[in-house]
Amino acid sequence: MQRITIFGRKGCGFCTRAKQLCEMKGYDHRYIDIHEEGITKEDLEKTVGKPVDTVPQIFHGKDHIGGYTELAAFVDAQEADTKA
């Protein structure tokens, strides 16, 4: 599986939950604090390819997954594929 990249910020509960989910599942992941890295909303929109209003913005490799809810669904799908 490719690395999960989470763009988030301090104080964001869903960002924290996304990080924790990756840690619990043992996924290779990288958390990037957009404020510490000086990443603007416009920068994120260029990376994502569409308007961005919230964080986290999560990628699997170069593929945009979405936010926390989409990450949780992605994880469930990965586990279902593994069991099949």
Protein backbone atom coordinates (compact mmCIF):
# COMPACT_ATOMS: atom_id res chain seq x y z
CA MET A 1 0.00 0.00 0.00
CA GLN A 2 1.19 3.52 -0.76
CA ARG A 3 1.74 6.12 1.91
CA ILE A 4 -1.23 8.02 3.35
CA THR A 5 -0.60 11.77 3.50
CA ILE A 6 -2.76 13.88 5.79
CA PHE A 7 -2.84 17.66 5.44
CA GLY A 8 -4.23 19.04 8.68
CA ARG A 9 -3.86 21.63 11.40
CA LYS A 10 -3.61 21.85 15.18
CA GLY A 11 -6.90 21.78 17.01
CA CYS A 12 -8.68 19.82 14.27
CA GLY A 13 -10.41 16.79 15.76
CA PHE A 14 -10.87 15.03 12.42
CA CYS A 15 -7.17 15.57 11.61
CA THR A 16 -6.24 13.93 14.91
CA ARG A 17 -8.65 11.05 14.29
CA ALA A 18 -7.22 10.48 10.80
CA LYS A 19 -3.71 10.30 12.24
CA GLN A 20 -4.84 7.93 14.99
CA LEU A 21 -6.64 5.66 12.51
CA CYS A 22 -3.48 5.32 10.42
CA GLU A 23 -1.43 4.59 13.55
CA MET A 24 -3.93 1.99 14.81
CA LYS A 25 -3.95 0.20 11.44
CA GLY A 26 -0.18 0.39 11.06
CA TYR A 27 -0.37 2.35 7.80
CA ASP A 28 2.65 4.19 6.49
CA HIS A 29 1.54 7.79 6.82
CA ARG A 30 2.78 11.35 6.95
CA TYR A 31 1.02 14.17 8.76
CA ILE A 32 1.64 17.67 7.45
CA ASP A 33 0.55 20.64 9.58
CA ILE A 34 -0.50 23.22 7.00
CA HIS A 35 0.15 26.15 9.34
CA GLU A 36 3.64 24.98 10.37
CA GLU A 37 4.52 24.34 6.72
CA GLY A 38 3.02 27.61 5.46
CA ILE A 39 0.56 25.85 3.18
CA THR A 40 -2.34 28.09 2.18
CA LYS A 41 -5.88 27.18 1.19
CA GLU A 42 -4.92 28.04 -2.39
CA ASP A 43 -1.92 25.70 -2.22
CA LEU A 44 -4.17 22.88 -1.01
CA GLU A 45 -6.70 23.58 -3.74
CA LYS A 46 -3.95 23.21 -6.37
CA THR A 47 -2.85 19.92 -4.83
CA VAL A 48 -6.39 18.56 -4.44
CA GLY A 49 -7.59 19.87 -7.79
CA LYS A 50 -10.79 21.46 -6.51
CA PRO A 51 -11.93 24.03 -3.93
CA VAL A 52 -11.05 23.11 -0.34
CA ASP A 53 -12.98 24.35 2.68
CA THR A 54 -11.90 21.94 5.39
CA VAL A 55 -9.07 19.79 6.66
CA PRO A 56 -7.99 17.11 6.78
CA GLN A 57 -7.30 16.58 3.11
CA ILE A 58 -6.01 13.04 2.72
CA PHE A 59 -4.17 11.27 -0.09
CA HIS A 60 -3.28 7.65 -0.80
CA GLY A 61 -0.12 8.03 -2.80
CA LYS A 62 -1.07 10.74 -5.30
CA ASP A 63 -4.78 9.93 -5.22
CA HIS A 64 -7.01 12.27 -3.24
CA ILE A 65 -9.21 10.32 -0.82
CA GLY A 66 -11.06 13.23 0.81
CA GLY A 67 -11.49 13.91 4.52
CA TYR A 68 -11.72 11.72 7.60
CA THR A 69 -15.03 10.07 6.64
CA GLU A 70 -13.64 9.06 3.25
CA LEU A 71 -10.45 7.76 4.91
CA ALA A 72 -12.50 5.59 7.27
CA ALA A 73 -14.43 4.18 4.28
CA PHE A 74 -11.14 3.62 2.42
CA VAL A 75 -9.75 1.70 5.42
CA ASP A 76 -12.91 -0.42 5.63
CA ALA A 77 -12.65 -1.22 1.91
CA GLN A 78 -8.98 -2.17 2.28
CA GLU A 79 -9.84 -4.54 5.12
CA ALA A 80 -12.73 -6.06 3.15
CA ASP A 81 -10.38 -6.66 0.18
CA THR A 82 -7.87 -8.33 2.49
CA LYS A 83 -10.53 -10.72 3.86
CA ALA A 84 -11.90 -11.59 0.42
